[in-house]
Structure formats: C-alpha cells, structure tokens
Amino acid sequence: MNTDLSQIPKTETHLHVEGAIRADTYVELRRRKEPSYTLEESPWRNEGYRFDSLGHFLETASPCVAYRAEDYRRIALELFQDLLAQNVICAELTVASHRVEIGQIAQAIHNAWCEVVPEGTLEVGILVGLFRSDNPELTVEMVRQANDARQYGVLPASRELDPVVRLFSVPSP
C-alpha cells in the first residue's frame, strides 16, 4: 500500500502556541528587544535540545518575544498556515502567559483563524495553561479570564462546566 500521508486528515492536540513559533519569526520578534540577537545564540536550536519543562521554555524563550496580543496573532497566523499545509482538520491549542491577558490572546488567535482558515477546514479550541507554582489568587484570575474569553474558542477548565464544547468553526463574534 502506497499512502500519501500528507493527504490524511490529522488532529493536533495540546499544541503550545508559544512553542510553535517559526524560527525566523522568533528571531524577528526577539530583535525588538535585542537588536543583535542571532538564532545561533540559542541552545534550544541545536539538534536534539529539549527544554526541561514548560516553565523552562517560558522563562528562556517565550518571554523574549510574545509581549503583545499582536505577537500572538502573528504566531497563530503562521501556525494555522502550517497546520493547513499538513492537512490538520482539528487543533487543540494551549496558551500560557502572564504577560498578556487571556482574552486578548484568545481574540488575537481567533482573528488569525478568521484571516487565514477557509470555512470548514480547521476547527480550533484553546486551552489555558495554569502553573502549579501560581498562587491561588492568580489561578482564580486566570480561570476568570479564560471564562470571559469563551466566545473566542477558549475551552472550559472542566468539561463538566459546559457539556457542549464548541470549537471555533463559526463566524467571528
């Protein structure tokens, strides 16, 4: 059997938006703060390099570039182009940021989806990453922000809270 794997529909689960940034976009955005930065300076670009944890990634790579909702829109726009090229039909994205409000991130991701995804080709849901190290007040605030951003595709923290989870395959609000 000679199957072309690129033609098989795929699902992408638990895809960290911050970790899916294209290398050239990472360099471009990072140069806003460090004009002489080059990709060769980053150990994470070496073959086989692995972050110790999500926290390690967020401390060493992500904060260098994702400061604004517009940064997330750009990253998501390119991510959706990449997913469509790989014939991904459903994606569960994860975002974890204390620098930009969840609602702003979710709206930016949703706007990117509306810009680049042809109707009916890619369903997307957004999960909000919470850190075990966050204090309870911050965790409650993050959950509040996530609930407020549900119209942009943020999935509830618990499926028991909303048995009918809608991915954003509907027109923008």
Protein backbone atom coordinates (compact mmCIF):
# COMPACT_ATOMS: atom_id res chain seq x y z
CA MET A 1 0.00 0.00 0.00
CA ASN A 2 1.46 3.35 -1.06
CA THR A 3 -0.35 6.00 1.01
CA ASP A 4 0.47 9.70 0.79
CA LEU A 5 0.45 10.68 4.48
CA SER A 6 0.14 14.37 3.65
CA GLN A 7 -3.38 13.70 2.36
CA ILE A 8 -4.62 12.01 5.53
CA PRO A 9 -6.62 14.37 7.80
CA LYS A 10 -4.91 14.94 11.14
CA THR A 11 -5.63 16.23 14.62
CA GLU A 12 -3.15 18.26 16.65
CA THR A 13 -3.66 18.04 20.41
CA HIS A 14 -2.08 20.09 23.17
CA LEU A 15 -0.08 22.29 20.82
CA HIS A 16 1.59 25.13 22.72
CA VAL A 17 1.20 28.31 20.67
CA GLU A 18 4.32 29.82 22.22
CA GLY A 19 6.30 26.72 21.25
CA ALA A 20 5.04 26.60 17.67
CA ILE A 21 6.63 29.85 16.58
CA ARG A 22 8.63 29.75 13.34
CA ALA A 23 12.36 30.29 13.86
CA ASP A 24 12.56 33.34 11.61
CA THR A 25 9.58 34.93 13.36
CA TYR A 26 11.16 34.22 16.74
CA VAL A 27 14.36 35.99 15.68
CA GLU A 28 12.49 38.93 14.20
CA LEU A 29 10.33 39.47 17.29
CA ARG A 30 13.21 38.95 19.70
CA ARG A 31 15.30 41.56 17.89
CA ARG A 32 12.86 44.23 19.05
CA LYS A 33 14.49 43.92 22.47
CA GLU A 34 17.90 42.56 21.42
CA PRO A 35 18.79 44.03 18.00
CA SER A 36 21.94 41.92 17.56
CA TYR A 37 20.31 38.59 18.53
CA THR A 38 21.01 35.62 16.26
CA LEU A 39 19.47 32.18 16.31
CA GLU A 40 22.88 30.61 16.79
CA GLU A 41 22.98 32.11 20.31
CA SER A 42 20.14 29.83 21.47
CA PRO A 43 20.97 26.34 22.71
CA TRP A 44 17.37 25.28 22.02
CA ARG A 45 18.03 25.45 18.28
CA ASN A 46 20.63 22.70 18.48
CA GLU A 47 19.58 19.29 17.19
CA GLY A 48 18.12 17.22 20.00
CA TYR A 49 17.86 20.08 22.51
CA ARG A 50 14.92 19.70 24.87
CA PHE A 51 13.55 22.12 27.42
CA ASP A 52 13.46 20.79 30.96
CA SER A 53 9.82 21.80 31.35
CA LEU A 54 7.17 24.21 30.09
CA GLY A 55 8.33 26.62 32.78
CA HIS A 56 11.90 26.41 31.47
CA PHE A 57 10.67 27.22 27.95
CA LEU A 58 8.53 30.10 29.15
CA GLU A 59 11.43 31.53 31.16
CA THR A 60 14.06 31.23 28.44
CA ALA A 61 12.38 31.51 25.05
CA SER A 62 8.79 32.73 25.09
CA PRO A 63 9.16 35.88 27.21
CA CYS A 64 11.71 37.17 24.76
CA VAL A 65 9.12 37.59 22.01
CA ALA A 66 5.42 37.38 22.98
CA TYR A 67 4.69 40.71 24.68
CA ARG A 68 1.51 41.81 22.88
CA ALA A 69 -1.70 40.34 21.55
CA GLU A 70 -0.43 41.21 18.05
CA ASP A 71 2.55 38.88 18.63
CA TYR A 72 0.12 36.04 19.32
CA ARG A 73 -1.90 36.93 16.21
CA ARG A 74 1.24 36.72 14.09
CA ILE A 75 2.35 33.43 15.63
CA ALA A 76 -1.16 31.97 15.24
CA LEU A 77 -1.49 33.17 11.65
CA GLU A 78 1.68 31.32 10.66
CA LEU A 79 0.72 28.32 12.81
CA PHE A 80 -2.64 28.00 11.03
CA GLN A 81 -0.90 28.19 7.65
CA ASP A 82 1.42 25.38 8.75
CA LEU A 83 -1.44 23.25 10.11
CA LEU A 84 -3.46 23.65 6.92
CA ALA A 85 -0.41 22.66 4.84
CA GLN A 86 -0.18 19.46 6.93
CA ASN A 87 -3.91 18.73 6.42
CA VAL A 88 -4.73 19.21 10.10
CA ILE A 89 -8.50 19.50 10.48
CA CYS A 90 -8.78 19.95 14.27
CA ALA A 91 -6.32 21.60 16.66
CA GLU A 92 -6.32 21.96 20.43
CA LEU A 93 -4.06 24.92 21.20
CA THR A 94 -2.62 25.75 24.60
CA VAL A 95 -1.56 29.22 25.73
CA ALA A 96 0.25 30.09 28.93
CA SER A 97 1.01 33.73 29.58
CA HIS A 98 1.04 36.13 32.49
CA ARG A 99 2.18 38.97 30.23
CA VAL A 100 -0.90 39.35 28.03
CA GLU A 101 -4.50 38.88 29.19
CA ILE A 102 -6.02 35.60 28.10
CA GLY A 103 -8.93 37.36 26.42
CA GLN A 104 -6.56 39.43 24.29
CA ILE A 105 -4.56 36.33 23.33
CA ALA A 106 -7.71 34.35 22.51
CA GLN A 107 -9.15 37.17 20.42
CA ALA A 108 -5.85 37.54 18.55
CA ILE A 109 -5.74 33.80 17.83
CA HIS A 110 -9.38 33.85 16.73
CA ASN A 111 -8.72 36.84 14.45
CA ALA A 112 -5.79 35.00 12.86
CA TRP A 113 -8.03 31.98 12.32
CA CYS A 114 -10.64 34.18 10.63
CA GLU A 115 -7.95 35.71 8.39
CA VAL A 116 -6.33 32.55 7.09
CA VAL A 117 -8.55 29.49 7.57
CA PRO A 118 -11.10 28.70 4.84
CA GLU A 119 -14.52 27.96 6.30
CA GLY A 120 -14.99 24.38 7.43
CA THR A 121 -11.35 23.31 7.08
CA LEU A 122 -9.85 23.65 10.57
CA GLU A 123 -11.61 23.57 13.92
CA VAL A 124 -9.68 25.10 16.82
CA GLY A 125 -10.10 25.17 20.58
CA ILE A 126 -7.90 26.98 23.07
CA LEU A 127 -6.84 25.65 26.46
CA VAL A 128 -5.35 27.98 29.05
CA GLY A 129 -2.26 26.65 30.80
CA LEU A 130 -2.16 27.12 34.55
CA PHE A 131 1.02 26.69 36.56
CA ARG A 132 1.27 24.66 39.74
CA SER A 133 3.55 27.37 41.11
CA ASP A 134 0.95 30.15 40.69
CA ASN A 135 -0.63 31.47 43.84
CA PRO A 136 -4.36 30.77 44.29
CA GLU A 137 -5.39 34.37 43.56
CA LEU A 138 -3.57 34.34 40.21
CA THR A 139 -5.07 30.96 39.32
CA VAL A 140 -8.58 32.24 40.05
CA GLU A 141 -7.87 35.32 37.90
CA MET A 142 -6.61 33.17 35.01
CA VAL A 143 -9.74 30.98 35.18
CA ARG A 144 -11.90 34.15 35.23
CA GLN A 145 -10.07 35.47 32.16
CA ALA A 146 -10.46 32.11 30.41
CA ASN A 147 -14.21 32.03 31.11
CA ASP A 148 -14.57 35.60 29.85
CA ALA A 149 -12.83 34.62 26.58
CA ARG A 150 -15.02 31.62 25.74
CA GLN A 151 -16.55 33.37 22.70
CA TYR A 152 -13.08 33.26 21.10
CA GLY A 153 -12.71 29.50 21.40
CA VAL A 154 -11.32 29.11 24.92
CA LEU A 155 -12.43 25.76 26.23
CA PRO A 156 -13.74 25.46 29.79
CA ALA A 157 -11.37 24.32 32.52
CA SER A 158 -13.66 21.37 33.09
CA ARG A 159 -15.92 19.76 30.53
CA GLU A 160 -18.43 19.27 33.35
CA LEU A 161 -18.84 23.06 33.36
CA ASP A 162 -20.01 23.01 29.76
CA PRO A 163 -21.03 19.69 28.25
CA VAL A 164 -21.42 21.26 24.80
CA VAL A 165 -17.96 22.49 23.89
CA ARG A 166 -17.89 24.44 20.65
CA LEU A 167 -14.65 24.78 18.78
CA PHE A 168 -14.45 27.90 16.68
CA SER A 169 -15.75 26.75 13.39
CA VAL A 170 -18.33 29.52 13.42
CA PRO A 171 -18.06 33.07 12.08
CA SER A 172 -16.33 35.61 14.29
CA PRO A 173 -18.49 37.23 17.03
